[in-house]
C-alpha atoms as a PDB file:
ATOM      1  CA  MET A   1      92.887  91.637  78.222  1.00  0.00           C
ATOM      2  CA  SER A   2      94.607  92.811  74.843  1.00  0.00           C
ATOM      3  CA  LYS A   3      94.165  91.141  71.604  1.00  0.00           C
ATOM      4  CA  LYS A   4      96.528  88.423  70.169  1.00  0.00           C
ATOM      5  CA  ARG A   5      98.674  89.826  67.610  1.00  0.00           C
ATOM      6  CA  ARG A   6      99.365  87.813  64.611  1.00  0.00           C
ATOM      7  CA  TYR A   7     100.652  87.660  61.106  1.00  0.00           C
ATOM      8  CA  LEU A   8      98.168  86.886  58.147  1.00  0.00           C
ATOM      9  CA  THR A   9      99.369  85.630  54.843  1.00  0.00           C
ATOM     10  CA  ALA A  10      97.924  85.270  51.447  1.00  0.00           C
ATOM     11  CA  THR A  11      99.053  83.588  48.415  1.00  0.00           C
ATOM     12  CA  MET A  12      97.628  84.540  45.047  1.00  0.00           C
ATOM     13  CA  PRO A  13      97.379  82.202  41.975  1.00  0.00           C
ATOM     14  CA  ASP A  14     100.615  83.221  40.505  1.00  0.00           C
ATOM     15  CA  GLY A  15     102.364  82.147  43.534  1.00  0.00           C
ATOM     16  CA  TYR A  16     103.073  85.856  44.932  1.00  0.00           C
ATOM     17  CA  VAL A  17     102.676  85.637  48.677  1.00  0.00           C
ATOM     18  CA  LYS A  18     101.783  88.770  50.829  1.00  0.00           C
ATOM     19  CA  THR A  19     101.917  88.585  54.747  1.00  0.00           C
ATOM     20  CA  ILE A  20     100.630  91.194  56.631  1.00  0.00           C
ATOM     21  CA  GLY A  21     100.983  91.699  60.522  1.00  0.00           C
ATOM     22  CA  PRO A  22     101.811  91.875  63.385  1.00  0.00           C
ATOM     23  CA  THR A  23      97.970  92.445  63.696  1.00  0.00           C
ATOM     24  CA  ALA A  24      95.163  92.204  66.017  1.00  0.00           C
ATOM     25  CA  ASP A  25      92.481  93.034  63.223  1.00  0.00           C
ATOM     26  CA  SER A  26      90.207  90.416  62.047  1.00  0.00           C
ATOM     27  CA  PHE A  27      91.175  90.628  58.590  1.00  0.00           C
ATOM     28  CA  THR A  28      90.238  87.279  56.040  1.00  0.00           C
ATOM     29  CA  HIS A  29      90.883  88.297  52.766  1.00  0.00           C
ATOM     30  CA  TYR A  30      93.535  89.938  50.385  1.00  0.00           C
ATOM     31  CA  TRP A  31      92.561  91.415  47.294  1.00  0.00           C
ATOM     32  CA  ARG A  32      95.000  92.822  44.374  1.00  0.00           C
ATOM     33  CA  ILE A  33      94.427  94.890  41.234  1.00  0.00           C
ATOM     34  CA  VAL A  34      97.355  94.417  38.700  1.00  0.00           C
ATOM     35  CA  ALA A  35      96.834  97.109  35.991  1.00  0.00           C
ATOM     36  CA  GLU A  36      98.323  96.964  32.615  1.00  0.00           C
ATOM     37  CA  LEU A  37      99.335 100.631  31.496  1.00  0.00           C
ATOM     38  CA  GLU A  38     100.162 102.042  27.996  1.00  0.00           C
ATOM     39  CA  GLY A  39     103.790 101.065  27.145  1.00  0.00           C
ATOM     40  CA  GLY A  40     103.982  97.723  28.967  1.00  0.00           C
ATOM     41  CA  LYS A  41     104.082  99.159  32.304  1.00  0.00           C
ATOM     42  CA  THR A  42     102.205  98.136  35.369  1.00  0.00           C
ATOM     43  CA  GLU A  43     100.597  99.281  38.744  1.00  0.00           C
ATOM     44  CA  VAL A  44      99.506  97.380  41.615  1.00  0.00           C
ATOM     45  CA  PHE A  45      97.164  98.032  44.227  1.00  0.00           C
ATOM     46  CA  TRP A  46      96.208  95.901  47.156  1.00  0.00           C
ATOM     47  CA  GLY A  47      94.213  95.607  50.576  1.00  0.00           C
ATOM     48  CA  HIS A  48      92.944  93.470  52.823  1.00  0.00           C
ATOM     49  CA  THR A  49      89.236  93.201  54.252  1.00  0.00           C
ATOM     50  CA  ARG A  50      87.306  91.601  56.801  1.00  0.00           C
ATOM     51  CA  SER A  51      85.031  89.550  55.025  1.00  0.00           C
ATOM     52  CA  LEU A  52      84.792  87.826  51.362  1.00  0.00           C
ATOM     53  CA  ALA A  53      81.823  89.976  50.418  1.00  0.00           C
ATOM     54  CA  GLU A  54      83.771  92.994  51.361  1.00  0.00           C
ATOM     55  CA  ALA A  55      86.769  92.213  49.054  1.00  0.00           C
ATOM     56  CA  ARG A  56      84.324  91.272  46.278  1.00  0.00           C
ATOM     57  CA  ARG A  57      82.649  94.637  46.505  1.00  0.00           C
ATOM     58  CA  LYS A  58      86.484  96.223  45.492  1.00  0.00           C
ATOM     59  CA  GLN A  59      85.701  94.735  41.998  1.00  0.00           C
ATOM     60  CA  ALA A  60      83.005  97.334  40.637  1.00  0.00           C
ATOM     61  CA  PRO A  61      85.626 100.295  41.766  1.00  0.00           C
ATOM     62  CA  ALA A  62      88.304  98.653  39.852  1.00  0.00           C
ATOM     63  CA  GLN A  63      86.365  98.651  36.699  1.00  0.00           C
ATOM     64  CA  GLN A  64      85.705 102.404  36.945  1.00  0.00           C
ATOM     65  CA  ALA A  65      89.175 102.961  37.893  1.00  0.00           C
ATOM     66  CA  ALA A  66      89.902 101.180  34.519  1.00  0.00           C
ATOM     67  CA  ARG A  67      88.057 103.458  32.666  1.00  0.00           C
ATOM     68  CA  THR A  68      88.911 106.788  34.084  1.00  0.00           C
ATOM     69  CA  ARG A  69      92.770 106.043  34.258  1.00  0.00           C
ATOM     70  CA  GLY A  70      92.798 104.494  30.846  1.00  0.00           C
ATOM     71  CA  TRP A  71      94.290 101.044  31.745  1.00  0.00           C
ATOM     72  CA  LYS A  72      94.781  98.669  28.828  1.00  0.00           C
ATOM     73  CA  SER A  73      93.714  95.638  31.076  1.00  0.00           C
ATOM     74  CA  PHE A  74      93.559  94.690  34.876  1.00  0.00           C
ATOM     75  CA  SER A  75      93.229  91.447  36.947  1.00  0.00           C
ATOM     76  CA  PHE A  76      91.429  91.408  40.067  1.00  0.00           C
ATOM     77  CA  GLU A  77      92.120  88.863  42.538  1.00  0.00           C
ATOM     78  CA  ILE A  78      91.077  87.726  46.128  1.00  0.00           C
ATOM     79  CA  ALA A  79      92.786  85.283  48.422  1.00  0.00           C
ATOM     80  CA  GLU A  80      92.067  84.254  51.627  1.00  0.00           C
ATOM     81  CA  LEU A  81      94.289  85.260  54.752  1.00  0.00           C
ATOM     82  CA  VAL A  82      95.718  82.395  57.008  1.00  0.00           C
ATOM     83  CA  GLU A  83      97.405  82.972  60.360  1.00  0.00           C
ATOM     84  CA  THR A  84     101.165  82.113  59.995  1.00  0.00           C
ATOM     85  CA  PRO A  85     103.816  81.877  62.574  1.00  0.00           C
ATOM     86  CA  ALA A  86     105.973  84.822  63.099  1.00  0.00           C
ATOM     87  CA  ASN A  87     109.450  84.669  61.478  1.00  0.00           C
END
Protein backbone atom coordinates (compact mmCIF):
# COMPACT_ATOMS: atom_id res chain seq x y z
CA MET A 1 0.00 0.00 0.00
CA SER A 2 1.40 3.44 -0.90
CA LYS A 3 1.54 6.36 1.49
CA LYS A 4 -1.05 9.11 1.17
CA ARG A 5 0.31 12.17 -0.59
CA ARG A 6 -0.83 15.41 0.99
CA TYR A 7 -0.15 19.13 1.18
CA LEU A 8 1.21 20.74 4.34
CA THR A 9 0.87 24.44 5.14
CA ALA A 10 2.60 26.67 7.69
CA THR A 11 1.47 30.19 8.57
CA MET A 12 4.21 32.40 9.98
CA PRO A 13 3.60 35.11 12.60
CA ASP A 14 3.91 37.84 9.93
CA GLY A 15 1.17 36.18 7.84
CA TYR A 16 3.46 34.53 5.28
CA VAL A 17 1.99 31.19 4.20
CA LYS A 18 4.19 28.35 2.92
CA THR A 19 2.69 25.20 1.41
CA ILE A 20 4.75 22.14 0.58
CA GLY A 21 3.65 19.07 -1.31
CA PRO A 22 2.36 16.88 -2.48
CA THR A 23 4.37 14.79 -0.04
CA ALA A 24 4.08 11.50 1.74
CA ASP A 25 6.74 12.51 4.30
CA SER A 26 5.79 13.04 7.92
CA PHE A 27 6.93 16.66 8.25
CA THR A 28 5.51 18.48 11.28
CA HIS A 29 7.24 21.88 11.37
CA TYR A 30 8.54 24.58 9.04
CA TRP A 31 11.44 26.83 10.00
CA ARG A 32 12.57 30.10 8.46
CA ILE A 33 15.56 32.38 8.89
CA VAL A 34 15.30 35.95 7.59
CA ALA A 35 18.79 37.45 7.59
CA GLU A 36 19.37 41.19 7.33
CA LEU A 37 22.48 42.00 5.32
CA GLU A 38 24.44 45.20 4.91
CA GLY A 39 22.76 47.73 2.63
CA GLY A 40 19.24 46.71 3.68
CA LYS A 41 19.15 43.48 1.68
CA THR A 42 17.74 40.26 3.08
CA GLU A 43 18.26 36.55 2.54
CA VAL A 44 15.71 33.89 3.47
CA PHE A 45 16.55 30.29 4.36
CA TRP A 46 13.91 27.70 5.17
CA GLY A 47 13.21 24.04 5.62
CA HIS A 48 10.88 21.52 7.16
CA THR A 49 11.46 18.91 9.83
CA ARG A 50 9.83 15.84 11.33
CA SER A 51 9.66 17.25 14.88
CA LEU A 52 9.66 20.49 16.85
CA ALA A 53 12.90 19.43 18.55
CA GLU A 54 14.57 18.95 15.16
CA ALA A 55 13.42 22.41 14.07
CA ARG A 56 14.73 24.00 17.28
CA ARG A 57 18.15 22.46 16.64
CA LYS A 58 18.43 24.68 13.53
CA GLN A 59 18.74 27.83 15.68
CA ALA A 60 22.33 27.24 16.88
CA PRO A 61 23.67 26.84 13.32
CA ALA A 62 21.79 30.02 12.39
CA GLN A 63 23.64 31.92 15.10
CA GLN A 64 26.93 30.56 13.77
CA ALA A 65 25.95 31.52 10.20
CA ALA A 66 25.17 35.06 11.37
CA ARG A 67 28.72 35.40 12.70
CA THR A 68 30.49 33.80 9.73
CA ARG A 69 28.40 35.49 7.04
CA GLY A 70 28.34 38.91 8.71
CA TRP A 71 24.58 39.30 8.98
CA LYS A 72 23.52 42.52 10.71
CA SER A 73 20.68 40.60 12.36
CA PHE A 74 18.34 37.69 11.74
CA SER A 75 15.06 36.24 12.89
CA PHE A 76 14.49 32.53 13.37
CA GLU A 77 10.91 31.28 13.37
CA ILE A 78 9.16 27.93 13.57
CA ALA A 79 5.57 27.16 12.61
CA GLU A 80 3.59 23.95 12.81
CA LEU A 81 2.64 22.34 9.51
CA VAL A 82 -1.02 21.43 9.08
CA GLU A 83 -2.53 19.24 6.40
CA THR A 84 -4.43 21.23 3.80
CA PRO A 85 -6.56 20.17 0.83
CA ALA A 86 -4.99 20.24 -2.64
CA ASN A 87 -5.96 23.31 -4.64
